[in-house]
């Protein structure tokens, strides 16, 4: 009997995740499309917060939390004692299926890896906005993580075997 209950609980959690994936992905696609539906529910925020991984989130305690899933990025930043949340989503964002993200607070940039590309977004220009720079990723089998190296001003992409560095201000490809 315990096994059946565990299977039902697992199936319910999986089904709920699938529903949230569809609903939040659809809301993200409509975000900022000019039809007046510029709303992503708190349920989507909570869902992303619950399913995010170390690779798809970045945070500095009591300052900022950035997290993403699929075609959505939430930026929650503490300003004057309150957390303000901004969103990057929509057709112009070109977000489809992000697999890793990181950020540089110094440069106010978010670095996103998705489907063979590195996309760079501004933390200060949010909404249905496109990346400010992009690179095709060559030489890595599948990127496991992205990070920003402050001293050398480089964006570091890593797979299971090696890493590649991109100078932060190199021209986009």
Protein backbone atom coordinates (compact mmCIF):
# COMPACT_ATOMS: atom_id res chain seq x y z
CA UNK A 1 0.00 0.00 0.00
CA UNK A 2 2.85 2.40 0.84
CA UNK A 3 4.37 1.85 -2.61
CA UNK A 4 1.10 2.74 -4.34
CA UNK A 5 0.81 5.94 -2.29
CA UNK A 6 4.40 6.90 -3.14
CA UNK A 7 3.77 6.24 -6.84
CA UNK A 8 0.60 8.37 -6.75
CA UNK A 9 2.41 11.20 -4.96
CA UNK A 10 5.27 11.03 -7.50
CA UNK A 11 2.84 11.03 -10.43
CA UNK A 12 0.90 13.96 -8.96
CA UNK A 13 4.10 15.98 -8.49
CA UNK A 14 5.22 15.16 -12.05
CA UNK A 15 1.80 16.09 -13.47
CA UNK A 16 1.80 19.37 -11.50
CA UNK A 17 5.29 20.19 -12.81
CA UNK A 18 4.13 19.55 -16.39
CA UNK A 19 1.09 21.82 -15.91
CA UNK A 20 3.24 24.61 -14.45
CA UNK A 21 5.80 24.18 -17.24
CA UNK A 22 3.08 24.65 -19.87
CA UNK A 23 1.30 27.51 -18.09
CA UNK A 24 4.44 29.47 -17.22
CA UNK A 25 6.02 28.92 -20.63
CA UNK A 26 2.86 30.17 -22.34
CA UNK A 27 2.70 33.23 -20.05
CA UNK A 28 6.39 33.95 -20.78
CA UNK A 29 5.79 33.80 -24.54
CA UNK A 30 2.88 36.27 -24.25
CA UNK A 31 4.85 38.60 -21.96
CA UNK A 32 5.21 42.04 -23.54
CA UNK A 33 3.61 40.99 -26.84
CA UNK A 34 1.53 44.16 -27.13
CA UNK A 35 -1.75 42.46 -26.31
CA UNK A 36 -1.78 43.76 -22.76
CA UNK A 37 -1.01 40.43 -21.09
CA UNK A 38 2.18 41.48 -19.30
CA UNK A 39 1.58 39.31 -16.29
CA UNK A 40 3.44 36.30 -14.98
CA UNK A 41 1.79 34.86 -11.88
CA UNK A 42 3.37 34.43 -8.47
CA UNK A 43 2.70 30.71 -8.99
CA UNK A 44 5.23 30.78 -11.85
CA UNK A 45 7.75 32.58 -9.63
CA UNK A 46 7.22 29.98 -6.88
CA UNK A 47 7.46 27.14 -9.41
CA UNK A 48 10.77 28.42 -10.83
CA UNK A 49 12.06 28.92 -7.29
CA UNK A 50 11.13 25.32 -6.47
CA UNK A 51 12.68 23.71 -9.56
CA UNK A 52 15.76 25.89 -10.04
CA UNK A 53 19.16 24.30 -9.78
CA UNK A 54 22.58 25.66 -8.84
CA UNK A 55 23.28 25.95 -12.57
CA UNK A 56 20.11 27.97 -13.27
CA UNK A 57 20.34 30.46 -10.43
CA UNK A 58 22.65 33.12 -9.00
CA UNK A 59 22.36 34.86 -5.66
CA UNK A 60 24.15 37.15 -3.28
CA UNK A 61 22.66 36.93 0.20
CA UNK A 62 20.31 39.80 1.08
CA UNK A 63 21.11 41.54 -2.22
CA UNK A 64 19.94 39.73 -5.33
CA UNK A 65 18.53 36.44 -6.57
CA UNK A 66 18.36 35.56 -10.26
CA UNK A 67 16.72 32.33 -11.33
CA UNK A 68 15.55 30.90 -14.59
CA UNK A 69 13.70 28.01 -16.14
CA UNK A 70 12.81 27.40 -19.77
CA UNK A 71 11.98 30.80 -21.25
CA UNK A 72 11.71 32.81 -18.01
CA UNK A 73 14.21 34.73 -15.88
CA UNK A 74 13.26 36.35 -12.57
CA UNK A 75 15.51 38.99 -10.99
CA UNK A 76 14.67 39.78 -7.34
CA UNK A 77 16.78 42.59 -5.96
CA UNK A 78 16.74 44.30 -2.59
CA UNK A 79 16.38 48.07 -2.89
CA UNK A 80 15.75 50.25 0.15
CA UNK A 81 14.73 47.25 2.24
CA UNK A 82 12.20 45.87 -0.28
CA UNK A 83 12.58 43.12 -2.86
CA UNK A 84 11.65 44.22 -6.36
CA UNK A 85 11.20 41.50 -8.96
CA UNK A 86 11.84 42.06 -12.65
CA UNK A 87 11.29 39.60 -15.47
CA UNK A 88 13.03 38.80 -18.73
CA UNK A 89 10.67 36.87 -20.99
CA UNK A 90 8.78 37.24 -24.25
CA UNK A 91 9.43 36.59 -27.91
CA UNK A 92 12.23 39.17 -28.21
CA UNK A 93 14.14 37.65 -25.30
CA UNK A 94 14.87 34.63 -27.51
CA UNK A 95 14.78 32.46 -24.38
CA UNK A 96 13.69 28.93 -25.14
CA UNK A 97 15.31 26.43 -22.83
CA UNK A 98 18.01 27.92 -20.64
CA UNK A 99 20.30 25.36 -19.09
CA UNK A 100 22.64 27.53 -16.99
CA UNK A 101 22.94 31.14 -15.87
CA UNK A 102 25.20 33.38 -13.86
CA UNK A 103 25.72 37.11 -13.41
CA UNK A 104 28.14 39.94 -12.81
CA UNK A 105 26.86 42.50 -10.31
CA UNK A 106 29.79 44.75 -11.21
CA UNK A 107 28.67 44.95 -14.86
CA UNK A 108 24.95 44.34 -14.13
CA UNK A 109 24.80 41.51 -16.68
CA UNK A 110 23.19 38.06 -16.74
CA UNK A 111 24.91 35.24 -18.66
CA UNK A 112 22.60 32.53 -20.02
CA UNK A 113 23.51 29.28 -21.76
CA UNK A 114 20.93 27.71 -24.02
CA UNK A 115 21.06 25.37 -27.00
CA UNK A 116 24.63 26.03 -28.12
CA UNK A 117 24.63 29.77 -27.39
CA UNK A 118 25.76 32.14 -24.67
CA UNK A 119 23.33 35.07 -24.32
CA UNK A 120 24.06 38.20 -22.29
CA UNK A 121 21.24 40.32 -20.83
CA UNK A 122 21.28 43.57 -18.89
CA UNK A 123 19.93 43.42 -15.32
CA UNK A 124 18.66 46.97 -15.76
CA UNK A 125 16.73 46.56 -19.02
CA UNK A 126 14.07 43.95 -18.38
CA UNK A 127 10.81 42.83 -19.93
CA UNK A 128 10.43 41.50 -23.46
CA UNK A 129 14.01 42.41 -24.41
CA UNK A 130 16.66 40.70 -26.50
CA UNK A 131 20.17 39.82 -25.44
CA UNK A 132 22.75 42.61 -25.62
CA UNK A 133 25.43 40.16 -26.85
CA UNK A 134 25.56 36.53 -27.98
CA UNK A 135 28.10 33.90 -28.92
CA UNK A 136 27.85 30.48 -30.53
CA UNK A 137 29.40 27.89 -28.23
CA UNK A 138 31.89 25.62 -29.96
CA UNK A 139 34.26 23.11 -28.40
CA UNK A 140 32.13 21.94 -25.49
CA UNK A 141 29.94 18.83 -25.61
CA UNK A 142 27.23 20.22 -23.35
CA UNK A 143 27.70 23.17 -21.05
CA UNK A 144 27.18 22.31 -17.39
CA UNK A 145 27.90 25.73 -15.89
CA UNK A 146 28.61 29.38 -16.63
CA UNK A 147 30.36 31.85 -14.34
CA UNK A 148 31.94 35.28 -14.42
CA UNK A 149 35.59 35.67 -13.46
CA UNK A 150 35.98 39.19 -12.07
CA UNK A 151 39.77 39.58 -12.16
CA UNK A 152 40.12 38.72 -15.85
CA UNK A 153 36.68 40.02 -16.90
CA UNK A 154 35.87 36.68 -18.54
CA UNK A 155 32.79 34.53 -18.86
CA UNK A 156 33.73 30.89 -18.19
CA UNK A 157 31.73 28.00 -19.67
CA UNK A 158 32.41 24.46 -18.45
CA UNK A 159 31.40 20.98 -19.45
CA UNK A 160 32.35 17.75 -17.67
CA UNK A 161 35.91 17.82 -19.10
CA UNK A 162 37.07 21.35 -19.92
CA UNK A 163 36.22 25.02 -19.87
CA UNK A 164 36.25 27.86 -22.37
CA UNK A 165 36.65 31.55 -21.55
CA UNK A 166 35.00 34.39 -23.47
CA UNK A 167 36.31 37.93 -22.95
CA UNK A 168 33.29 39.87 -21.60
CA UNK A 169 33.33 42.59 -24.23
CA UNK A 170 34.24 40.59 -27.31
CA UNK A 171 31.99 41.40 -30.24
CA UNK A 172 28.98 39.10 -30.61
CA UNK A 173 28.88 36.42 -33.27
